Structure formats: structure tokens, C-alpha cells
Amino acid sequence: MSITTNIQSVQRRINDACMRCGRDPETVTLVLATKTVDSERLREAYEVGATAFGENRVQEALPKYDELLDLDIEWHFIGHLQTNKVRDVLKFATCIQSVDRQSLVDELDAECERRGEGVDILVEVNASGEASKHGCAVDAVDELLEYIQEREWLNVRGFMTIGAMSDDETVVRASFARLRAIRDRAIARGLVPSDAVHLSMGMSSDLDIAIEEGSTMVRVGSAIFGERT
């Protein structure tokens, strides 16, 4: 099927999930996960209404950013970010969703200061506790948030996680509910601003559950562009 048809199908899933839990579909942003997808296909997606793109690899994102400068795209970085890539990621990303450790906070804040411009971030949490995943440990989130509070240039807008790798829906749902609880507690304790409400959770296989558990951003790749090769 075409990219247009697939985007429409994903949007229907978003709408249906929102209807089930009494939410406005406008509260959920579709972020296209664009790893390995070339600029021509991204342009096609943009032409049918997709405006938020999420890249996993800095070296892959930079040429796409240059090739699509004529489009009003909101670029997110959604992959694990090495500290030596910070200068390059800030050339294109308006939101970095994978901030998970103090060393990365230091590099981002220092580079933003050099640039004289802040950046929006999401704190990535390993809400499932799986060893294969990146992200701040659940019991270390408060410490990381307190560390970020001491920095001038990083604007916390919410949290990100990858759902549990399980065929058991209750396990997947629990990992999303855990991130929602982390966000709510952080706001209540003043560790993040009251408008740091975003929950980036849910991908092609589990976006429906994520929305039911409060996701405000779903990162969708294969359901739109097909399986990666």
C-alpha cells in the first residue's frame, strides 16, 4: 500500500484509540520514525499532512534535513544519542527525545550555551526495566530531573519510553502506565514544569495501548513505510 494509505490507516487507529478512552485525537501527535527512509518518501509523507519526523541516527538525518529545507518539518531525535554527536544533532533537531544521563545533559547544555539557543527535550525512561533498552532507570529519574533543573538551556517537555517487549498486553500496558505515573509525580513535585505533559510512547505495534494509557506522541515507522531492510 502507499504511504498515503498507510498514514490514513494509522490516523484511524489513533482516532479509534482516542474514542475508546474519551480523548481528543488532536492531543496525539504522529511522529514518523524515518530511519532508513529516503528524502523522496519523506516528501511524499509531508505532502499528505505529516510534519513531525523522528530520526534515530545523526549522520543519516543531516543530509535529509538539508534536502528538505524547503519544507516546514518539525525534526525530533528519537535514537540513543552519543555525546560526540551533540553539536550535529542541534543543527536540525527541535526536540531531543532520548535524554537519559547526566553526561548527555552536560554536553547539550554546553552546546546550547555556545549557540545561545535552548532546546526542547524529553527524558527517556526505561519504564519496562529491560536490559536491552536505553533510558534512565525508573529509580534514578528524580535525580536526573534535579540535575537538569540546574541547567539553563534545556526545556523539559515530558518523557519518552519504549514499551515492554512482550506479547502480554498487560505487561506492555503496565510499562506505559508507569511512565504516566512518573510524569504526574514529577509535575506534582515540581521537578518539571507544569506544562511538561508530553508522553512519547507507542510505536507501530502498540500505539493503540499507549494512547489508551495517555500517550501524546506516537513514533510510527514500519506501519507507514513498511518493514526496514
C-alpha atoms as a PDB file:
ATOM      1  CA  MET A   1       0.000   0.000   0.000  1.00  0.00           C
ATOM      2  CA  SER A   2       1.031   3.611  -0.492  1.00  0.00           C
ATOM      3  CA  ILE A   3       2.435   5.942   2.139  1.00  0.00           C
ATOM      4  CA  THR A   4      -0.750   7.990   1.864  1.00  0.00           C
ATOM      5  CA  THR A   5      -2.958   4.966   2.549  1.00  0.00           C
ATOM      6  CA  ASN A   6      -0.762   3.869   5.439  1.00  0.00           C
ATOM      7  CA  ILE A   7      -0.793   7.295   7.092  1.00  0.00           C
ATOM      8  CA  GLN A   8      -4.569   7.343   6.817  1.00  0.00           C
ATOM      9  CA  SER A   9      -4.732   3.879   8.379  1.00  0.00           C
ATOM     10  CA  VAL A  10      -2.506   4.895  11.292  1.00  0.00           C
ATOM     11  CA  GLN A  11      -4.553   8.048  11.813  1.00  0.00           C
ATOM     12  CA  ARG A  12      -7.701   5.910  12.013  1.00  0.00           C
ATOM     13  CA  ARG A  13      -6.011   3.791  14.685  1.00  0.00           C
ATOM     14  CA  ILE A  14      -5.182   6.950  16.606  1.00  0.00           C
ATOM     15  CA  ASN A  15      -8.748   8.216  16.286  1.00  0.00           C
ATOM     16  CA  ASP A  16     -10.225   4.875  17.349  1.00  0.00           C
ATOM     17  CA  ALA A  17      -7.931   4.596  20.379  1.00  0.00           C
ATOM     18  CA  CYS A  18      -8.817   8.133  21.429  1.00  0.00           C
ATOM     19  CA  MET A  19     -12.513   7.376  21.065  1.00  0.00           C
ATOM     20  CA  ARG A  20     -12.189   4.329  23.324  1.00  0.00           C
ATOM     21  CA  CYS A  21     -10.661   6.365  26.135  1.00  0.00           C
ATOM     22  CA  GLY A  22     -12.556   9.616  25.623  1.00  0.00           C
ATOM     23  CA  ARG A  23      -9.688  11.694  24.304  1.00  0.00           C
ATOM     24  CA  ASP A  24      -9.480  14.269  21.543  1.00  0.00           C
ATOM     25  CA  PRO A  25      -7.335  12.901  18.677  1.00  0.00           C
ATOM     26  CA  GLU A  26      -5.791  16.374  18.401  1.00  0.00           C
ATOM     27  CA  THR A  27      -3.957  15.636  21.678  1.00  0.00           C
ATOM     28  CA  VAL A  28      -1.880  12.931  19.970  1.00  0.00           C
ATOM     29  CA  THR A  29       0.965  13.866  17.620  1.00  0.00           C
ATOM     30  CA  LEU A  30       2.025  11.399  14.955  1.00  0.00           C
ATOM     31  CA  VAL A  31       5.823  11.417  14.723  1.00  0.00           C
ATOM     32  CA  LEU A  32       7.052   9.456  11.714  1.00  0.00           C
ATOM     33  CA  ALA A  33      10.029   7.245  12.578  1.00  0.00           C
ATOM     34  CA  THR A  34      12.116   7.809   9.474  1.00  0.00           C
ATOM     35  CA  LYS A  35      15.235   5.673   9.941  1.00  0.00           C
ATOM     36  CA  THR A  36      16.416   4.332   6.539  1.00  0.00           C
ATOM     37  CA  VAL A  37      13.624   6.229   4.713  1.00  0.00           C
ATOM     38  CA  ASP A  38      14.923   8.452   1.911  1.00  0.00           C
ATOM     39  CA  SER A  39      14.062  12.101   1.395  1.00  0.00           C
ATOM     40  CA  GLU A  40      11.788  11.449  -1.573  1.00  0.00           C
ATOM     41  CA  ARG A  41       9.497   9.248   0.520  1.00  0.00           C
ATOM     42  CA  LEU A  42       9.551  11.751   3.373  1.00  0.00           C
ATOM     43  CA  ARG A  43       8.488  14.462   0.967  1.00  0.00           C
ATOM     44  CA  GLU A  44       5.572  12.263  -0.093  1.00  0.00           C
ATOM     45  CA  ALA A  45       4.553  11.818   3.536  1.00  0.00           C
ATOM     46  CA  TYR A  46       4.774  15.562   4.120  1.00  0.00           C
ATOM     47  CA  GLU A  47       2.522  16.247   1.151  1.00  0.00           C
ATOM     48  CA  VAL A  48      -0.272  14.259   2.781  1.00  0.00           C
ATOM     49  CA  GLY A  49      -0.008  16.073   6.089  1.00  0.00           C
ATOM     50  CA  ALA A  50       2.840  14.522   8.103  1.00  0.00           C
ATOM     51  CA  THR A  51       5.007  17.284   9.560  1.00  0.00           C
ATOM     52  CA  ALA A  52       6.832  15.686  12.526  1.00  0.00           C
ATOM     53  CA  PHE A  53       9.724  13.358  11.658  1.00  0.00           C
ATOM     54  CA  GLY A  54      11.850  11.408  14.116  1.00  0.00           C
ATOM     55  CA  GLU A  55      15.391  10.333  13.263  1.00  0.00           C
ATOM     56  CA  ASN A  56      17.498   7.716  15.068  1.00  0.00           C
ATOM     57  CA  ARG A  57      20.905   8.453  13.564  1.00  0.00           C
ATOM     58  CA  VAL A  58      22.515  11.863  13.376  1.00  0.00           C
ATOM     59  CA  GLN A  59      24.673  11.014  10.358  1.00  0.00           C
ATOM     60  CA  GLU A  60      21.609   9.837   8.436  1.00  0.00           C
ATOM     61  CA  ALA A  61      19.455  12.787   9.473  1.00  0.00           C
ATOM     62  CA  LEU A  62      21.766  15.604   8.395  1.00  0.00           C
ATOM     63  CA  PRO A  63      21.578  15.064   4.605  1.00  0.00           C
ATOM     64  CA  LYS A  64      17.803  14.578   4.782  1.00  0.00           C
ATOM     65  CA  TYR A  65      17.486  17.820   6.720  1.00  0.00           C
ATOM     66  CA  ASP A  66      19.458  19.657   4.021  1.00  0.00           C
ATOM     67  CA  GLU A  67      17.447  18.078   1.198  1.00  0.00           C
ATOM     68  CA  LEU A  68      14.113  19.023   2.805  1.00  0.00           C
ATOM     69  CA  LEU A  69      14.906  22.566   3.928  1.00  0.00           C
ATOM     70  CA  ASP A  70      12.065  23.893   1.782  1.00  0.00           C
ATOM     71  CA  LEU A  71       9.514  22.056   3.941  1.00  0.00           C
ATOM     72  CA  ASP A  72       8.230  23.161   7.355  1.00  0.00           C
ATOM     73  CA  ILE A  73       9.238  19.982   9.201  1.00  0.00           C
ATOM     74  CA  GLU A  74       9.456  19.519  12.962  1.00  0.00           C
ATOM     75  CA  TRP A  75      12.521  17.321  13.424  1.00  0.00           C
ATOM     76  CA  HIS A  76      12.784  15.101  16.510  1.00  0.00           C
ATOM     77  CA  PHE A  77      15.744  12.964  17.503  1.00  0.00           C
ATOM     78  CA  ILE A  78      14.465   9.668  18.903  1.00  0.00           C
ATOM     79  CA  GLY A  79      17.540   7.414  18.972  1.00  0.00           C
ATOM     80  CA  HIS A  80      20.276   6.875  21.515  1.00  0.00           C
ATOM     81  CA  LEU A  81      22.449   9.986  21.384  1.00  0.00           C
ATOM     82  CA  GLN A  82      26.200   9.819  21.821  1.00  0.00           C
ATOM     83  CA  THR A  83      27.763  12.873  23.441  1.00  0.00           C
ATOM     84  CA  ASN A  84      30.131  13.370  20.485  1.00  0.00           C
ATOM     85  CA  LYS A  85      27.093  13.855  18.220  1.00  0.00           C
ATOM     86  CA  VAL A  86      25.528  16.689  20.234  1.00  0.00           C
ATOM     87  CA  ARG A  87      26.854  19.518  18.092  1.00  0.00           C
ATOM     88  CA  ASP A  88      25.495  17.905  14.934  1.00  0.00           C
ATOM     89  CA  VAL A  89      22.106  16.924  16.376  1.00  0.00           C
ATOM     90  CA  LEU A  90      21.427  20.519  17.342  1.00  0.00           C
ATOM     91  CA  LYS A  91      21.815  21.546  13.708  1.00  0.00           C
ATOM     92  CA  PHE A  92      18.424  20.022  12.898  1.00  0.00           C
ATOM     93  CA  ALA A  93      16.516  18.722  15.944  1.00  0.00           C
ATOM     94  CA  THR A  94      13.922  20.904  17.642  1.00  0.00           C
ATOM     95  CA  CYS A  95      13.227  18.193  20.221  1.00  0.00           C
ATOM     96  CA  ILE A  96      15.562  15.517  21.571  1.00  0.00           C
ATOM     97  CA  GLN A  97      13.511  12.672  22.983  1.00  0.00           C
ATOM     98  CA  SER A  98      16.320  10.498  24.322  1.00  0.00           C
ATOM     99  CA  VAL A  99      17.965  12.432  27.158  1.00  0.00           C
ATOM    100  CA  ASP A 100      18.825   9.745  29.697  1.00  0.00           C
ATOM    101  CA  ARG A 101      22.043  10.566  31.561  1.00  0.00           C
ATOM    102  CA  GLN A 102      23.971  13.415  33.184  1.00  0.00           C
ATOM    103  CA  SER A 103      26.874  13.373  30.726  1.00  0.00           C
ATOM    104  CA  LEU A 104      24.457  13.996  27.848  1.00  0.00           C
ATOM    105  CA  VAL A 105      22.755  16.774  29.804  1.00  0.00           C
ATOM    106  CA  ASP A 106      26.139  18.452  30.288  1.00  0.00           C
ATOM    107  CA  GLU A 107      27.043  18.291  26.599  1.00  0.00           C
ATOM    108  CA  LEU A 108      23.649  19.520  25.422  1.00  0.00           C
ATOM    109  CA  ASP A 109      23.580  22.401  27.859  1.00  0.00           C
ATOM    110  CA  ALA A 110      27.134  23.477  27.000  1.00  0.00           C
ATOM    111  CA  GLU A 111      26.489  23.364  23.249  1.00  0.00           C
ATOM    112  CA  CYS A 112      23.197  25.236  23.611  1.00  0.00           C
ATOM    113  CA  GLU A 113      25.006  27.907  25.599  1.00  0.00           C
ATOM    114  CA  ARG A 114      27.592  28.235  22.833  1.00  0.00           C
ATOM    115  CA  ARG A 115      24.768  28.603  20.339  1.00  0.00           C
ATOM    116  CA  GLY A 116      22.776  30.954  22.545  1.00  0.00           C
ATOM    117  CA  GLU A 117      19.651  28.895  21.977  1.00  0.00           C
ATOM    118  CA  GLY A 118      17.868  26.330  24.152  1.00  0.00           C
ATOM    119  CA  VAL A 119      16.335  23.042  23.042  1.00  0.00           C
ATOM    120  CA  ASP A 120      13.258  21.065  23.998  1.00  0.00           C
ATOM    121  CA  ILE A 121      13.954  17.651  25.481  1.00  0.00           C
ATOM    122  CA  LEU A 122      12.126  14.570  26.670  1.00  0.00           C
ATOM    123  CA  VAL A 123      13.645  12.425  29.392  1.00  0.00           C
ATOM    124  CA  GLU A 124      13.912   8.831  28.217  1.00  0.00           C
ATOM    125  CA  VAL A 125      12.989   6.298  30.885  1.00  0.00           C
ATOM    126  CA  ASN A 126      13.475   2.542  30.728  1.00  0.00           C
ATOM    127  CA  ALA A 127       9.975   2.002  32.091  1.00  0.00           C
ATOM    128  CA  SER A 128       9.994  -1.729  31.326  1.00  0.00           C
ATOM    129  CA  GLY A 129      13.279  -2.343  33.130  1.00  0.00           C
ATOM    130  CA  GLU A 130      14.569  -4.463  30.236  1.00  0.00           C
ATOM    131  CA  ALA A 131      18.342  -4.692  29.999  1.00  0.00           C
ATOM    132  CA  SER A 132      18.260  -4.358  26.207  1.00  0.00           C
ATOM    133  CA  LYS A 133      16.812  -0.854  26.337  1.00  0.00           C
ATOM    134  CA  HIS A 134      18.379   2.552  26.770  1.00  0.00           C
ATOM    135  CA  GLY A 135      16.848   5.068  29.124  1.00  0.00           C
ATOM    136  CA  CYS A 136      17.191   6.290  32.666  1.00  0.00           C
ATOM    137  CA  ALA A 137      16.291   3.702  35.310  1.00  0.00           C
ATOM    138  CA  VAL A 138      12.942   4.313  36.992  1.00  0.00           C
ATOM    139  CA  ASP A 139      14.527   4.799  40.421  1.00  0.00           C
ATOM    140  CA  ALA A 140      17.038   7.324  39.018  1.00  0.00           C
ATOM    141  CA  VAL A 141      14.561   9.647  37.276  1.00  0.00           C
ATOM    142  CA  ASP A 142      14.220  12.144  40.134  1.00  0.00           C
ATOM    143  CA  GLU A 143      17.982  12.524  40.427  1.00  0.00           C
ATOM    144  CA  LEU A 144      18.312  13.184  36.699  1.00  0.00           C
ATOM    145  CA  LEU A 145      15.464  15.708  36.739  1.00  0.00           C
ATOM    146  CA  GLU A 146      17.066  17.567  39.652  1.00  0.00           C
ATOM    147  CA  TYR A 147      20.321  17.643  37.686  1.00  0.00           C
ATOM    148  CA  ILE A 148      18.552  19.069  34.639  1.00  0.00           C
ATOM    149  CA  GLN A 149      16.915  21.757  36.788  1.00  0.00           C
ATOM    150  CA  GLU A 150      20.366  23.191  37.417  1.00  0.00           C
ATOM    151  CA  ARG A 151      20.940  23.706  33.696  1.00  0.00           C
ATOM    152  CA  GLU A 152      19.800  26.843  31.887  1.00  0.00           C
ATOM    153  CA  TRP A 153      19.296  25.779  28.292  1.00  0.00           C
ATOM    154  CA  LEU A 154      17.297  22.542  28.404  1.00  0.00           C
ATOM    155  CA  ASN A 155      13.493  22.747  28.330  1.00  0.00           C
ATOM    156  CA  VAL A 156      11.884  19.575  29.663  1.00  0.00           C
ATOM    157  CA  ARG A 157       8.643  18.949  27.782  1.00  0.00           C
ATOM    158  CA  GLY A 158       7.898  15.452  29.037  1.00  0.00           C
ATOM    159  CA  PHE A 159       9.070  11.850  28.913  1.00  0.00           C
ATOM    160  CA  MET A 160       9.716   9.048  26.418  1.00  0.00           C
ATOM    161  CA  THR A 161       9.839   5.280  26.653  1.00  0.00           C
ATOM    162  CA  ILE A 162       9.771   2.156  24.510  1.00  0.00           C
ATOM    163  CA  GLY A 163       7.071  -0.311  25.525  1.00  0.00           C
ATOM    164  CA  ALA A 164       7.901  -3.685  27.010  1.00  0.00           C
ATOM    165  CA  MET A 165       8.888  -6.374  24.512  1.00  0.00           C
ATOM    166  CA  SER A 166       6.103  -8.782  25.359  1.00  0.00           C
ATOM    167  CA  ASP A 167       3.116 -10.482  23.775  1.00  0.00           C
ATOM    168  CA  ASP A 168       1.257  -9.965  27.042  1.00  0.00           C
ATOM    169  CA  GLU A 169      -0.791  -6.784  26.683  1.00  0.00           C
ATOM    170  CA  THR A 170      -0.947  -6.286  30.447  1.00  0.00           C
ATOM    171  CA  VAL A 171       2.869  -6.142  30.606  1.00  0.00           C
ATOM    172  CA  VAL A 172       3.075  -3.625  27.767  1.00  0.00           C
ATOM    173  CA  ARG A 173       0.274  -1.541  29.248  1.00  0.00           C
ATOM    174  CA  ALA A 174       1.975  -1.512  32.644  1.00  0.00           C
ATOM    175  CA  SER A 175       5.173  -0.033  31.208  1.00  0.00           C
ATOM    176  CA  PHE A 176       3.193   2.824  29.651  1.00  0.00           C
ATOM    177  CA  ALA A 177       1.168   3.403  32.816  1.00  0.00           C
ATOM    178  CA  ARG A 178       4.448   3.559  34.752  1.00  0.00           C
ATOM    179  CA  LEU A 179       5.732   6.402  32.582  1.00  0.00           C
ATOM    180  CA  ARG A 180       2.464   8.295  33.017  1.00  0.00           C
ATOM    181  CA  ALA A 181       2.804   7.946  36.793  1.00  0.00           C
ATOM    182  CA  ILE A 182       6.414   9.177  36.617  1.00  0.00           C
ATOM    183  CA  ARG A 183       5.309  12.267  34.705  1.00  0.00           C
ATOM    184  CA  ASP A 184       2.440  13.029  37.067  1.00  0.00           C
ATOM    185  CA  ARG A 185       4.653  12.670  40.122  1.00  0.00           C
ATOM    186  CA  ALA A 186       7.401  14.830  38.599  1.00  0.00           C
ATOM    187  CA  ILE A 187       4.925  17.622  37.883  1.00  0.00           C
ATOM    188  CA  ALA A 188       3.382  17.362  41.360  1.00  0.00           C
ATOM    189  CA  ARG A 189       6.828  17.560  42.998  1.00  0.00           C
ATOM    190  CA  GLY A 190       7.942  20.493  40.862  1.00  0.00           C
ATOM    191  CA  LEU A 191      10.757  18.536  39.227  1.00  0.00           C
ATOM    192  CA  VAL A 192       9.495  19.559  35.786  1.00  0.00           C
ATOM    193  CA  PRO A 193       7.343  22.493  34.643  1.00  0.00           C
ATOM    194  CA  SER A 194       3.581  22.078  34.821  1.00  0.00           C
ATOM    195  CA  ASP A 195       3.447  22.065  31.016  1.00  0.00           C
ATOM    196  CA  ALA A 196       5.902  19.138  30.692  1.00  0.00           C
ATOM    197  CA  VAL A 197       2.987  16.902  29.835  1.00  0.00           C
ATOM    198  CA  HIS A 198       4.221  15.003  26.794  1.00  0.00           C
ATOM    199  CA  LEU A 199       4.430  11.229  26.869  1.00  0.00           C
ATOM    200  CA  SER A 200       6.172   9.878  23.782  1.00  0.00           C
ATOM    201  CA  MET A 201       5.241   6.209  23.852  1.00  0.00           C
ATOM    202  CA  GLY A 202       3.808   3.760  21.395  1.00  0.00           C
ATOM    203  CA  MET A 203       5.078   2.554  18.032  1.00  0.00           C
ATOM    204  CA  SER A 204       3.584   0.611  15.130  1.00  0.00           C
ATOM    205  CA  SER A 205       2.752  -2.485  17.166  1.00  0.00           C
ATOM    206  CA  ASP A 206       1.498  -0.914  20.379  1.00  0.00           C
ATOM    207  CA  LEU A 207       0.383   2.660  19.686  1.00  0.00           C
ATOM    208  CA  ASP A 208      -3.242   1.806  20.469  1.00  0.00           C
ATOM    209  CA  ILE A 209      -2.405   0.688  24.028  1.00  0.00           C
ATOM    210  CA  ALA A 210      -0.059   3.636  24.507  1.00  0.00           C
ATOM    211  CA  ILE A 211      -2.771   6.143  23.609  1.00  0.00           C
ATOM    212  CA  GLU A 212      -5.189   4.481  25.990  1.00  0.00           C
ATOM    213  CA  GLU A 213      -2.537   4.943  28.695  1.00  0.00           C
ATOM    214  CA  GLY A 214      -2.048   8.635  27.915  1.00  0.00           C
ATOM    215  CA  SER A 215       0.486   8.915  25.099  1.00  0.00           C
ATOM    216  CA  THR A 216       0.666  12.336  23.452  1.00  0.00           C
ATOM    217  CA  MET A 217       3.196  11.279  20.779  1.00  0.00           C
ATOM    218  CA  VAL A 218       3.397   8.015  18.877  1.00  0.00           C
ATOM    219  CA  ARG A 219       6.529   7.171  16.891  1.00  0.00           C
ATOM    220  CA  VAL A 220       5.486   5.150  13.853  1.00  0.00           C
ATOM    221  CA  GLY A 221       7.763   3.777  11.156  1.00  0.00           C
ATOM    222  CA  SER A 222       7.017   0.326   9.740  1.00  0.00           C
ATOM    223  CA  ALA A 223       3.222   0.771   9.715  1.00  0.00           C
ATOM    224  CA  ILE A 224       3.751   3.685   7.312  1.00  0.00           C
ATOM    225  CA  PHE A 225       6.921   2.907   5.369  1.00  0.00           C
ATOM    226  CA  GLY A 226       6.938  -0.897   5.563  1.00  0.00           C
ATOM    227  CA  GLU A 227       9.416  -3.156   7.280  1.00  0.00           C
ATOM    228  CA  ARG A 228      13.019  -1.957   7.201  1.00  0.00           C
ATOM    229  CA  THR A 229      15.535  -3.928   5.194  1.00  0.00           C
END
